[in-house]
Amino acid sequence: MNVTRFTKLRRAAVLAVLAGSLLAPAAYADSGFYLGASIGDAGVEVNDLGFNESDSASKIFGGFIFDMPVVDFAIEAAYVDLGAVSGTVLGESYEFDSTALSAFGVAGLDFGLFGFFAKAGLVSWDTDIMIADLPPGSDSGSDAAYGLGFRLTFSSVEVRAEYEVFDISDIDTVDMLSVGALWRF
């Protein structure tokens, strides 16, 4: 039997489709839910007051990742405790105690053991404000948030370092630098 070039090409295409269908479930096998926690440092800067202080911060987060070869996407929500940032400006003591709920869309590049990701979304924040001898006050709102991160993946456990910015109105900078871990299930 004489095998033509067209027949060889057709056989190769069928083998490629079969091999791809066998490998596709493995490529998407890591898609699913995840939970994690991070600790770090949150900073608040109000230029008009000359206020630039930081405090320890933490967050608990979870989401769903759509893991594809090289690129992955996720939706993520978090509860963030930005700490109680305090300092003195012109002899008056100030304290900002902030918490937030955030929701992000996350896009990442996956290189096997390590990867990079960027995120953008919204933050709903609540801040208790104490200024010297004045009665305590509070403020809240919803604003944009974004961040960048690096991750190391070990099977279903991921260690990540990230920098997030909460674009809260009337405050020049609210940011968080953190290290944490998550578990995919």
C-alpha atoms as a PDB file:
ATOM      1  CA  MET A   1       0.000   0.000   0.000  1.00  0.00           C
ATOM      2  CA  ASN A   2       1.313   3.346  -1.022  1.00  0.00           C
ATOM      3  CA  VAL A   3       1.020   5.948   1.772  1.00  0.00           C
ATOM      4  CA  THR A   4       0.704   9.469   0.403  1.00  0.00           C
ATOM      5  CA  ARG A   5       1.833  12.631   2.016  1.00  0.00           C
ATOM      6  CA  PHE A   6      -1.786  13.611   2.599  1.00  0.00           C
ATOM      7  CA  THR A   7      -2.435  10.360   4.481  1.00  0.00           C
ATOM      8  CA  LYS A   8       0.639  10.902   6.686  1.00  0.00           C
ATOM      9  CA  LEU A   9      -0.469  14.447   7.404  1.00  0.00           C
ATOM     10  CA  ARG A  10      -4.004  13.302   8.235  1.00  0.00           C
ATOM     11  CA  ARG A  11      -2.663  10.596  10.601  1.00  0.00           C
ATOM     12  CA  ALA A  12      -0.401  13.138  12.311  1.00  0.00           C
ATOM     13  CA  ALA A  13      -3.344  15.523  12.765  1.00  0.00           C
ATOM     14  CA  VAL A  14      -5.501  12.757  14.293  1.00  0.00           C
ATOM     15  CA  LEU A  15      -2.655  11.783  16.667  1.00  0.00           C
ATOM     16  CA  ALA A  16      -2.174  15.444  17.664  1.00  0.00           C
ATOM     17  CA  VAL A  17      -5.882  15.838  18.450  1.00  0.00           C
ATOM     18  CA  LEU A  18      -5.894  12.616  20.488  1.00  0.00           C
ATOM     19  CA  ALA A  19      -2.751  13.622  22.398  1.00  0.00           C
ATOM     20  CA  GLY A  20      -4.206  17.081  23.038  1.00  0.00           C
ATOM     21  CA  SER A  21      -7.427  15.613  24.385  1.00  0.00           C
ATOM     22  CA  LEU A  22      -5.439  13.417  26.775  1.00  0.00           C
ATOM     23  CA  LEU A  23      -3.293  16.329  28.000  1.00  0.00           C
ATOM     24  CA  ALA A  24      -6.114  18.897  28.289  1.00  0.00           C
ATOM     25  CA  PRO A  25      -7.605  17.491  31.543  1.00  0.00           C
ATOM     26  CA  ALA A  26      -4.171  17.626  33.186  1.00  0.00           C
ATOM     27  CA  ALA A  27      -3.721  21.248  32.109  1.00  0.00           C
ATOM     28  CA  TYR A  28      -7.040  22.265  33.656  1.00  0.00           C
ATOM     29  CA  ALA A  29      -6.804  19.963  36.670  1.00  0.00           C
ATOM     30  CA  ASP A  30      -5.670  22.778  38.978  1.00  0.00           C
ATOM     31  CA  SER A  31      -8.770  24.901  38.369  1.00  0.00           C
ATOM     32  CA  GLY A  32     -10.886  25.249  41.473  1.00  0.00           C
ATOM     33  CA  PHE A  33     -11.475  27.027  44.748  1.00  0.00           C
ATOM     34  CA  TYR A  34      -8.763  28.311  47.093  1.00  0.00           C
ATOM     35  CA  LEU A  35      -8.483  29.800  50.586  1.00  0.00           C
ATOM     36  CA  GLY A  36      -5.565  31.666  52.106  1.00  0.00           C
ATOM     37  CA  ALA A  37      -4.217  34.165  54.595  1.00  0.00           C
ATOM     38  CA  SER A  38      -1.507  36.840  54.508  1.00  0.00           C
ATOM     39  CA  ILE A  39       0.317  39.046  56.981  1.00  0.00           C
ATOM     40  CA  GLY A  40       2.295  42.161  56.268  1.00  0.00           C
ATOM     41  CA  ASP A  41       2.554  45.901  56.640  1.00  0.00           C
ATOM     42  CA  ALA A  42      -0.033  48.548  55.697  1.00  0.00           C
ATOM     43  CA  GLY A  43       0.830  52.187  55.218  1.00  0.00           C
ATOM     44  CA  VAL A  44      -1.295  55.331  55.227  1.00  0.00           C
ATOM     45  CA  GLU A  45      -0.076  58.625  53.808  1.00  0.00           C
ATOM     46  CA  VAL A  46      -1.998  61.925  54.024  1.00  0.00           C
ATOM     47  CA  ASN A  47       0.185  64.613  52.461  1.00  0.00           C
ATOM     48  CA  ASP A  48      -1.944  67.566  53.654  1.00  0.00           C
ATOM     49  CA  LEU A  49      -1.306  66.525  57.278  1.00  0.00           C
ATOM     50  CA  GLY A  50       2.277  65.366  56.768  1.00  0.00           C
ATOM     51  CA  PHE A  51       1.096  61.956  57.998  1.00  0.00           C
ATOM     52  CA  ASN A  52       2.999  58.879  56.782  1.00  0.00           C
ATOM     53  CA  GLU A  53       2.771  55.892  59.118  1.00  0.00           C
ATOM     54  CA  SER A  54       2.395  52.111  58.937  1.00  0.00           C
ATOM     55  CA  ASP A  55       1.196  49.201  61.069  1.00  0.00           C
ATOM     56  CA  SER A  56       0.977  45.437  60.806  1.00  0.00           C
ATOM     57  CA  ALA A  57      -1.859  44.157  58.630  1.00  0.00           C
ATOM     58  CA  SER A  58      -3.506  40.868  57.763  1.00  0.00           C
ATOM     59  CA  LYS A  59      -6.053  39.415  55.400  1.00  0.00           C
ATOM     60  CA  ILE A  60      -8.083  36.296  54.781  1.00  0.00           C
ATOM     61  CA  PHE A  61      -8.967  35.608  51.162  1.00  0.00           C
ATOM     62  CA  GLY A  62     -10.552  33.076  48.866  1.00  0.00           C
ATOM     63  CA  GLY A  63     -11.461  32.659  45.260  1.00  0.00           C
ATOM     64  CA  PHE A  64     -11.811  30.481  42.219  1.00  0.00           C
ATOM     65  CA  ILE A  65      -8.989  30.033  39.711  1.00  0.00           C
ATOM     66  CA  PHE A  66      -9.397  29.112  36.055  1.00  0.00           C
ATOM     67  CA  ASP A  67      -6.001  27.490  35.516  1.00  0.00           C
ATOM     68  CA  MET A  68      -4.913  27.221  31.896  1.00  0.00           C
ATOM     69  CA  PRO A  69      -1.528  26.550  30.342  1.00  0.00           C
ATOM     70  CA  VAL A  70       0.771  29.548  30.915  1.00  0.00           C
ATOM     71  CA  VAL A  71      -2.062  32.034  31.706  1.00  0.00           C
ATOM     72  CA  ASP A  72      -4.591  31.755  34.505  1.00  0.00           C
ATOM     73  CA  PHE A  73      -7.482  33.910  35.667  1.00  0.00           C
ATOM     74  CA  ALA A  74      -9.197  34.107  39.049  1.00  0.00           C
ATOM     75  CA  ILE A  75     -11.865  35.932  40.962  1.00  0.00           C
ATOM     76  CA  GLU A  76     -10.890  36.696  44.553  1.00  0.00           C
ATOM     77  CA  ALA A  77     -12.520  38.236  47.630  1.00  0.00           C
ATOM     78  CA  ALA A  78     -10.839  39.198  50.904  1.00  0.00           C
ATOM     79  CA  TYR A  79     -11.363  40.622  54.367  1.00  0.00           C
ATOM     80  CA  VAL A  80      -8.449  42.974  55.112  1.00  0.00           C
ATOM     81  CA  ASP A  81      -7.424  44.400  58.501  1.00  0.00           C
ATOM     82  CA  LEU A  82      -5.187  47.363  57.669  1.00  0.00           C
ATOM     83  CA  GLY A  83      -4.227  47.872  61.302  1.00  0.00           C
ATOM     84  CA  ALA A  84      -4.420  50.939  63.524  1.00  0.00           C
ATOM     85  CA  VAL A  85      -2.017  53.435  62.007  1.00  0.00           C
ATOM     86  CA  SER A  86      -1.149  56.215  64.454  1.00  0.00           C
ATOM     87  CA  GLY A  87       1.178  59.185  64.613  1.00  0.00           C
ATOM     88  CA  THR A  88       1.567  62.814  65.666  1.00  0.00           C
ATOM     89  CA  VAL A  89       1.113  65.811  63.382  1.00  0.00           C
ATOM     90  CA  LEU A  90       1.773  69.337  64.719  1.00  0.00           C
ATOM     91  CA  GLY A  91       1.514  68.091  68.305  1.00  0.00           C
ATOM     92  CA  GLU A  92      -1.860  66.374  67.718  1.00  0.00           C
ATOM     93  CA  SER A  93      -2.169  62.586  67.809  1.00  0.00           C
ATOM     94  CA  TYR A  94      -3.978  60.843  64.967  1.00  0.00           C
ATOM     95  CA  GLU A  95      -5.101  57.230  64.608  1.00  0.00           C
ATOM     96  CA  PHE A  96      -6.735  55.546  61.613  1.00  0.00           C
ATOM     97  CA  ASP A  97      -8.101  52.035  62.285  1.00  0.00           C
ATOM     98  CA  SER A  98      -9.220  50.519  58.968  1.00  0.00           C
ATOM     99  CA  THR A  99     -10.793  47.323  57.688  1.00  0.00           C
ATOM    100  CA  ALA A 100     -11.959  46.465  54.192  1.00  0.00           C
ATOM    101  CA  LEU A 101     -13.713  43.939  52.006  1.00  0.00           C
ATOM    102  CA  SER A 102     -12.223  43.585  48.536  1.00  0.00           C
ATOM    103  CA  ALA A 103     -13.133  41.866  45.281  1.00  0.00           C
ATOM    104  CA  PHE A 104     -10.581  41.394  42.508  1.00  0.00           C
ATOM    105  CA  GLY A 105     -10.187  39.998  39.053  1.00  0.00           C
ATOM    106  CA  VAL A 106      -6.753  38.351  38.910  1.00  0.00           C
ATOM    107  CA  ALA A 107      -4.671  37.491  35.827  1.00  0.00           C
ATOM    108  CA  GLY A 108      -1.387  35.630  36.061  1.00  0.00           C
ATOM    109  CA  LEU A 109       1.448  34.074  34.136  1.00  0.00           C
ATOM    110  CA  ASP A 110       2.281  30.552  35.258  1.00  0.00           C
ATOM    111  CA  PHE A 111       5.809  29.201  34.738  1.00  0.00           C
ATOM    112  CA  GLY A 112       5.381  25.954  36.679  1.00  0.00           C
ATOM    113  CA  LEU A 113       6.988  26.391  40.080  1.00  0.00           C
ATOM    114  CA  PHE A 114       6.653  30.196  40.023  1.00  0.00           C
ATOM    115  CA  GLY A 115       4.419  32.840  38.517  1.00  0.00           C
ATOM    116  CA  PHE A 116       3.444  36.488  38.517  1.00  0.00           C
ATOM    117  CA  PHE A 117       0.004  38.035  38.813  1.00  0.00           C
ATOM    118  CA  ALA A 118      -1.790  41.364  38.627  1.00  0.00           C
ATOM    119  CA  LYS A 119      -5.162  42.192  40.104  1.00  0.00           C
ATOM    120  CA  ALA A 120      -7.727  44.955  39.844  1.00  0.00           C
ATOM    121  CA  GLY A 121     -11.058  45.455  41.541  1.00  0.00           C
ATOM    122  CA  LEU A 122     -12.983  47.269  44.237  1.00  0.00           C
ATOM    123  CA  VAL A 123     -12.553  47.774  47.966  1.00  0.00           C
ATOM    124  CA  SER A 124     -15.287  48.642  50.453  1.00  0.00           C
ATOM    125  CA  TRP A 125     -13.544  50.184  53.464  1.00  0.00           C
ATOM    126  CA  ASP A 126     -14.426  51.420  56.929  1.00  0.00           C
ATOM    127  CA  THR A 127     -12.118  53.638  59.007  1.00  0.00           C
ATOM    128  CA  ASP A 128     -12.434  54.746  62.616  1.00  0.00           C
ATOM    129  CA  ILE A 129     -10.693  58.101  63.089  1.00  0.00           C
ATOM    130  CA  MET A 130      -9.379  59.413  66.390  1.00  0.00           C
ATOM    131  CA  ILE A 131      -7.830  62.869  66.559  1.00  0.00           C
ATOM    132  CA  ALA A 132      -6.394  64.068  69.883  1.00  0.00           C
ATOM    133  CA  ASP A 133      -9.163  65.307  72.201  1.00  0.00           C
ATOM    134  CA  LEU A 134     -11.948  65.304  69.591  1.00  0.00           C
ATOM    135  CA  PRO A 135     -14.772  62.758  69.726  1.00  0.00           C
ATOM    136  CA  PRO A 136     -14.052  59.655  67.615  1.00  0.00           C
ATOM    137  CA  GLY A 137     -15.403  59.637  64.077  1.00  0.00           C
ATOM    138  CA  SER A 138     -15.609  57.235  61.195  1.00  0.00           C
ATOM    139  CA  ASP A 139     -15.695  57.213  57.438  1.00  0.00           C
ATOM    140  CA  SER A 140     -16.457  54.552  54.866  1.00  0.00           C
ATOM    141  CA  GLY A 141     -16.752  54.138  51.135  1.00  0.00           C
ATOM    142  CA  SER A 142     -15.954  52.077  48.068  1.00  0.00           C
ATOM    143  CA  ASP A 143     -13.026  52.747  45.776  1.00  0.00           C
ATOM    144  CA  ALA A 144     -10.735  51.108  43.238  1.00  0.00           C
ATOM    145  CA  ALA A 145      -7.946  48.735  44.255  1.00  0.00           C
ATOM    146  CA  TYR A 146      -5.127  47.034  42.377  1.00  0.00           C
ATOM    147  CA  GLY A 147      -1.977  45.032  43.001  1.00  0.00           C
ATOM    148  CA  LEU A 148       0.944  42.938  41.780  1.00  0.00           C
ATOM    149  CA  GLY A 149       2.375  39.720  43.125  1.00  0.00           C
ATOM    150  CA  PHE A 150       4.788  36.815  42.842  1.00  0.00           C
ATOM    151  CA  ARG A 151       3.955  33.213  43.722  1.00  0.00           C
ATOM    152  CA  LEU A 152       5.655  29.869  44.299  1.00  0.00           C
ATOM    153  CA  THR A 153       3.456  26.815  43.780  1.00  0.00           C
ATOM    154  CA  PHE A 154       3.993  23.445  45.463  1.00  0.00           C
ATOM    155  CA  SER A 155       1.198  21.099  44.356  1.00  0.00           C
ATOM    156  CA  SER A 156      -1.969  22.461  45.985  1.00  0.00           C
ATOM    157  CA  VAL A 157      -0.137  24.957  48.254  1.00  0.00           C
ATOM    158  CA  GLU A 158       0.956  28.354  47.005  1.00  0.00           C
ATOM    159  CA  VAL A 159       3.147  30.927  48.757  1.00  0.00           C
ATOM    160  CA  ARG A 160       2.697  34.482  47.560  1.00  0.00           C
ATOM    161  CA  ALA A 161       4.137  37.936  48.085  1.00  0.00           C
ATOM    162  CA  GLU A 162       2.070  40.864  46.933  1.00  0.00           C
ATOM    163  CA  TYR A 163       1.747  44.611  46.927  1.00  0.00           C
ATOM    164  CA  GLU A 164      -1.775  46.090  46.934  1.00  0.00           C
ATOM    165  CA  VAL A 165      -2.949  49.683  46.643  1.00  0.00           C
ATOM    166  CA  PHE A 166      -6.356  50.776  47.929  1.00  0.00           C
ATOM    167  CA  ASP A 167      -7.222  54.002  46.098  1.00  0.00           C
ATOM    168  CA  ILE A 168      -9.245  55.500  48.969  1.00  0.00           C
ATOM    169  CA  SER A 169     -10.530  59.009  48.286  1.00  0.00           C
ATOM    170  CA  ASP A 170      -9.211  61.867  50.471  1.00  0.00           C
ATOM    171  CA  ILE A 171      -6.172  59.775  51.487  1.00  0.00           C
ATOM    172  CA  ASP A 172      -3.115  60.021  49.284  1.00  0.00           C
ATOM    173  CA  THR A 173      -1.873  56.445  49.727  1.00  0.00           C
ATOM    174  CA  VAL A 174      -3.176  53.328  51.440  1.00  0.00           C
ATOM    175  CA  ASP A 175      -1.098  50.294  50.534  1.00  0.00           C
ATOM    176  CA  MET A 176      -0.248  46.837  51.844  1.00  0.00           C
ATOM    177  CA  LEU A 177       2.821  44.674  51.353  1.00  0.00           C
ATOM    178  CA  SER A 178       2.189  41.088  52.470  1.00  0.00           C
ATOM    179  CA  VAL A 179       3.351  37.475  52.411  1.00  0.00           C
ATOM    180  CA  GLY A 180       0.903  34.604  52.662  1.00  0.00           C
ATOM    181  CA  ALA A 181      -0.110  31.134  51.648  1.00  0.00           C
ATOM    182  CA  LEU A 182      -3.145  29.571  50.028  1.00  0.00           C
ATOM    183  CA  TRP A 183      -4.500  26.083  49.555  1.00  0.00           C
ATOM    184  CA  ARG A 184      -6.238  25.001  46.355  1.00  0.00           C
ATOM    185  CA  PHE A 185      -8.931  22.361  46.697  1.00  0.00           C
END
